Amino acid sequence: MLRLDSPVEELKGIGKGRAQTLKKLNIVNVSDVLFHYPRDYEDRSAVTPIAELEEDENAVVIAGVKEEPKTSYFKGMSITKAKIYDASGNINAIWYNQPYVKNNIKPGEKYAFIGKMTRKKNGAGEIQSPEIEKIGENGWQGGIIPIYSLCAGLSQKVFRRIEDEALKALETGIKDNIPLYIRKKYHLSERAFSIKNIHRPESPEAYLIARKRLVFEELFLLQTALLKLKNENAADSSGIRMDKTDMTPFFDALPFSFTEAQKNVLAEIKDDMSSGRVMNRLVQGDVGSGKTAIAMAAAYMAVQNGYQAVMMAPTEVLAAQHFESFKAIFDPLGIKTTMITGGQKAAEKRRSLAEAASGEADIIIGTHALIQAGTEYKNIGLVITDEQHRFGVKQRQTLADKGGKPHILVMTATPIPRTLALILYGDLDISIIDSLPPGRQSIDTFAVNSSYRERIYNFAKKEIEKGRQVYIICAMVEENEKIEAESVLKYADGLRDTPLGDRRIAVVHGKMRSEEKDGILKDFAAGKTDILVATTVIEVGINVPNATLMVIENAERFGLAQLHQLRGRVGRGSEKSYCILISDNKSEITRQRLKTMTKTSDGFKISETDLKLRGPGEFFGTRQHGLPALRIANLYSDMDILRQAQRAAGEVTENDPGLEREENRDLRTELDRLFLSDNIGI
């Protein structure tokens, strides 16, 4: 009997080869098939006569076959043609590299051909690679047909057949993971009904009912898991209780004054660290808002209370920059800062490790080397992770586990709308630095097409002649570091034939070894090169006050939050800075997105716009958060359901924090399955 955890090979028609293909989609059992939701739907109830076919529009044609299909070969490719007809006329259907099609259709029989009509140069129409369905005794059934995201080697027709087999598992019963009292209160359909009708909608109304339930379920489970974790942290009174430190010596050492926004966030941190509970706080702030100074203040408080503070950064360059910044402030105060990274020389690293283990070092800054075996600390009181979106939740926890129950401060310069932050960081309290320090340079931003490239190069040349430096960012064409590296090197080589050809040009990309990459970035920061041609490896952690121009090629390929981060690499010194976005894409969404970049420098407004125009993909596109990707919910269009799910999760966890009641038993089991497995770091 089929169960949800049965391997896909137990489904009818799936052998080892097809199972391997499905594995590329992360489908290994029956449950994975059921939860691989459609990305779109086609209404195939309407039939279009051949004479009324519109070019490039999906249509269903009910037609007979005039004669035996013929297969020919051209440059190793098979081309199968069949002339089909109905009462209004006839047309050719054509399939490429599908010679078996001719065995599936016979003259004299009627079939449904589903596909798009295109016109050849001579004006004649043809239907390219249509799906074929034999017309049965009951005629054409049509209906709403699901369309899935698939990979090579798997057709829509084949996957729909696999889905039909998996749906039979629902007939043996499936537990509902949302408690009955929540389903009733929020008018949610049963899980089995919802899964069936998301794949095979009985009607448009049934589809909407099913989708609401599954969107709610996805968001409710995630929120409940995070709130449960937050409640457990809040109930744990065994945290380090620190005295509210006199911060005067620290503030006197700073070359600037805190903004009101920084003071408010620091007050929240001081309250947390003196509460007796473990602090778990996220500090969000736009580029240049002063998060590093907040981290310094928290570290000062920990050290004054007799504890070590540890700060983990995602790159060696960023770690080194933090190390220099911290030393400049803390050395005069008699507070020792040390650094631990993978790229250190052996003797230097041994010394740093010894200082951390003995307690001689008060503040330890580094990269992933901080959490590796062999790195020990005397008494950690505070753990800070910078650019949290670059770390998984488990990495953050591994560092915290090096020292009992230290306070945790998470920092990110990636502006995230608050509603989305509650999903990504629902286990953390959130603080926002919502203003920039006075005097921060504005960056003039322009969106142009490639016809301006020569003018841009001439402008860049003038900036370099003034003693300034330039970034040029190339978009990654695809998820392939080899191709990425080749494209960046080719672009840099092409600059030799432009007005910038006599300038000092350096290249940095993801395929380089860390030491090589860091060396190039350090040389650029030291002013040894004029132009840095790079991929998004420089998105965070590069502070070069002398760089005044950021040029981004194929800007439409980046998310707005990413463009905003890249733009933030300039405007860090006293000179006027510029960002030029180059794109030949003419779509309306691209136009709106790039216009947003030219109109505002507010990272939170920018991320709201991107969420509206592009959905949550940019935030969930990688799995670095340690959270599962959303399968069906859209955090912009489903905002009302999100609010309901958050409210319901709050009700459940408030009344039963440990989910120990009988009515919540299946919910707890599902949360354990989803969030306590090895690959999910909650």
Foldseek 3Di string as FASTA:
>chain_A
DFAQAAFLCPFPPDDPVNCVQVVVVVHTGLVSLLLQFFPDKDFQPDADAPVPADAPDKHKHKWFWAAQWDWDDDPRKIKIWTWTHDPVGIAIEIEIRCVCVSVVHHGPFIWIWIAGWHADPVGGIYGYPTDIGGADPVGDPGGMAGHGDHDPPDDSVNSLSSSVRSLVNCVVPDDAQDFPVLCVVVVADGQNQLSVCSHPNPDPVSPVRSLLNQQLVLLLLLLLLLVLLLVVQVPDLQAAAFDQDDCVLLQVLDPDHQDPQLVVVLVVLSCCNRVSTAAFEEEEEAQQACVLVSLLSSLVRQVVRPAAEEEAEAAQLLLVVSQVVSCSRCVVVVAAEAEAEPPDDPVNNVVRQVCQQVVVHRYYTYYLRCLDPPRAHPAHAEYEYEQLLQAALQSQVSNCVRHPRHHYYYYHNQAAAPLVCCSLNVNHHYRYSQDHDPPQADAAEAEEAPVCVQVVVVVLVVLVVVVFAEEEEEEDPDPDQVVVQVVLVVVQVVCCPGPCNVFFEEEAEDVDDSVVRSVVLVCVLVSVGRYYYYYLPVLDRRARARHAEYEYEQQLNDQQSSVLSSLSNYSRHNDHHYYYYYHPDDDPLSVVLSVVVNPDSRSNVSNVSSCVSPFCCVSQVDCNHLADRDSNDTCPVCVVSSVSSSVVSCVQCVVPSVLPDPSNVSNVVVSCVRAVDPSRND
